[in-house]
Protein backbone atom coordinates (compact mmCIF):
# COMPACT_ATOMS: atom_id res chain seq x y z
CA MET A 1 -0.40 -17.22 -2.33
CA MET A 2 -2.05 -14.99 0.27
CA THR A 3 -2.00 -16.41 3.80
CA ASP A 4 -3.87 -13.59 5.56
CA PRO A 5 -6.68 -11.99 3.53
CA ILE A 6 -7.75 -9.68 6.39
CA ALA A 7 -4.24 -8.24 6.70
CA ASP A 8 -4.28 -7.75 2.93
CA MET A 9 -7.54 -5.78 3.19
CA LEU A 10 -6.19 -3.60 6.00
CA THR A 11 -2.97 -2.95 4.06
CA ARG A 12 -4.91 -1.97 0.94
CA ILE A 13 -6.99 0.49 2.98
CA ARG A 14 -3.88 1.87 4.75
CA ASN A 15 -2.06 2.39 1.44
CA ALA A 16 -5.10 4.00 -0.24
CA VAL A 17 -5.58 6.40 2.68
CA ARG A 18 -1.92 7.45 2.55
CA VAL A 19 -2.19 8.48 -1.12
CA GLU A 20 -5.72 9.90 -0.59
CA ARG A 21 -7.60 7.64 -3.01
CA PRO A 22 -11.38 8.06 -3.10
CA HIS A 23 -11.95 4.27 -3.00
CA VAL A 24 -10.13 0.94 -2.90
CA ASP A 25 -11.07 -2.44 -4.42
CA ILE A 26 -10.58 -5.61 -2.38
CA PRO A 27 -11.39 -9.28 -3.17
CA LEU A 28 -14.75 -10.10 -1.53
CA SER A 29 -15.42 -12.47 1.38
CA LYS A 30 -18.00 -12.58 4.19
CA VAL A 31 -15.53 -11.45 6.86
CA LYS A 32 -14.31 -8.54 4.71
CA ARG A 33 -17.93 -7.52 4.08
CA GLY A 34 -18.48 -7.57 7.85
CA LEU A 35 -15.34 -5.47 8.44
CA ALA A 36 -16.51 -2.92 5.88
CA GLU A 37 -19.95 -2.76 7.48
CA VAL A 38 -18.43 -2.09 10.94
CA LEU A 39 -16.18 0.63 9.45
CA LYS A 40 -19.26 2.25 7.89
CA ARG A 41 -21.33 2.05 11.11
CA GLU A 42 -18.50 3.56 13.14
CA GLY A 43 -17.96 6.40 10.63
CA TYR A 44 -14.51 5.51 9.27
CA ILE A 45 -15.65 5.09 5.64
CA TRP A 46 -18.50 6.58 3.59
CA ASP A 47 -19.85 3.35 2.14
CA TRP A 48 -18.99 0.03 0.52
CA GLU A 49 -20.42 -1.90 -2.39
CA GLU A 50 -20.07 -5.30 -4.01
CA MET A 51 -18.94 -5.33 -7.62
CA ALA A 52 -19.33 -8.38 -9.82
CA ALA A 53 -16.08 -9.10 -11.65
CA GLN A 54 -14.23 -12.02 -13.16
CA PRO A 55 -12.75 -14.26 -11.76
CA SER A 56 -14.08 -13.14 -8.34
CA SER A 57 -16.28 -10.39 -6.95
CA GLN A 58 -14.75 -7.24 -5.50
CA LEU A 59 -15.58 -5.13 -2.48
CA ARG A 60 -15.25 -1.40 -3.23
CA VAL A 61 -14.68 0.67 -0.09
CA HIS A 62 -15.33 4.42 -0.41
CA LEU A 63 -12.84 6.11 1.92
CA LYS A 64 -13.67 9.08 4.11
CA TYR A 65 -11.63 12.25 4.67
CA GLY A 66 -12.28 15.42 6.68
CA PRO A 67 -13.51 18.69 5.11
CA ASN A 68 -9.93 19.91 4.60
CA GLY A 69 -8.54 16.53 3.58
CA GLU A 70 -7.76 15.31 7.13
CA LEU A 71 -7.37 11.57 7.58
CA VAL A 72 -10.25 9.82 9.30
CA ILE A 73 -8.30 6.54 9.53
CA ARG A 74 -4.98 7.49 11.08
CA ARG A 75 -3.86 4.01 12.08
CA ILE A 76 -5.16 0.58 11.17
CA ARG A 77 -3.38 -2.43 12.67
CA ARG A 78 -3.94 -6.19 12.59
CA ILE A 79 -4.06 -7.71 16.09
CA SER A 80 -4.90 -11.40 15.68
CA LYS A 81 -2.69 -13.09 13.08
CA PRO A 82 -2.67 -16.60 11.60
CA GLY A 83 0.36 -17.52 13.72
CA ARG A 84 -1.00 -15.97 16.92
CA ARG A 85 -4.72 -15.67 17.49
CA VAL A 86 -5.87 -13.15 20.10
CA TYR A 87 -9.18 -13.70 21.89
CA CYS A 88 -10.78 -11.40 24.42
CA GLY A 89 -13.89 -11.42 26.58
CA TYR A 90 -16.13 -8.36 26.68
CA GLU A 91 -15.05 -7.53 30.26
CA LYS A 92 -11.42 -7.08 29.20
CA LEU A 93 -12.13 -4.89 26.15
CA LYS A 94 -10.94 -1.41 27.07
CA PRO A 95 -11.74 1.61 24.87
CA VAL A 96 -9.04 2.47 22.32
CA LEU A 97 -7.59 5.96 22.95
CA GLY A 98 -10.32 6.71 25.47
CA GLY A 99 -13.08 5.93 22.98
CA LEU A 100 -11.55 7.68 19.93
CA GLY A 101 -10.70 4.37 18.25
CA ILE A 102 -12.20 0.89 18.01
CA PHE A 103 -11.31 -2.79 18.06
CA ILE A 104 -13.10 -4.98 15.53
CA LEU A 105 -13.99 -8.47 16.74
CA SER A 106 -15.16 -11.64 15.06
CA THR A 107 -17.79 -13.18 17.32
CA SER A 108 -20.36 -15.94 17.15
CA ARG A 109 -22.86 -13.21 16.11
CA GLY A 110 -20.69 -11.87 13.27
CA VAL A 111 -18.12 -9.10 12.94
CA ILE A 112 -18.78 -6.26 15.42
CA SER A 113 -16.97 -3.33 17.06
CA ASP A 114 -15.76 -3.36 20.67
CA ARG A 115 -18.57 -0.99 21.64
CA GLU A 116 -21.19 -3.40 20.34
CA ALA A 117 -19.39 -6.33 21.98
CA ARG A 118 -19.48 -4.65 25.40
CA GLN A 119 -23.14 -3.73 24.88
CA ARG A 120 -24.13 -7.27 23.81
CA LYS A 121 -21.74 -8.89 26.33
CA LEU A 122 -19.91 -10.87 23.64
CA GLY A 123 -16.26 -11.79 23.36
CA GLY A 124 -14.35 -13.11 20.39
CA GLU A 125 -11.26 -12.88 18.22
CA VAL A 126 -9.80 -9.36 18.07
CA LEU A 127 -9.20 -8.79 14.34
CA CYS A 128 -7.83 -5.25 14.26
CA GLU A 129 -7.55 -1.85 15.90
CA ILE A 130 -8.47 1.40 14.16
CA TRP A 131 -8.05 5.05 15.20
């Protein structure tokens, strides 16, 4: 039984990046779709697509690497966990590595990056950090 599907998604991406896979398949949910969309908008992945499969649909994430095989996602870490939720207002969101990385937040307006949260003046649950 999986208790934290978001951590499972992040771990699948982390493992696929380490062995330089072109894509990774993840069980689909709305939050995972939102995470993938933020990763695409921020330039950490090429694209994502939904694949119909039995017994449940899959989310295929196409991973991105540099021109010489450099890693685009160097670190991906879960912040808010089922046992300890972490919430943050937009005023307290500081740039990750001076703007080289991002936090991904779950807000009342959906899943967004820390840059969008500061721009829209929204706070929420800090799901993960990526750089």
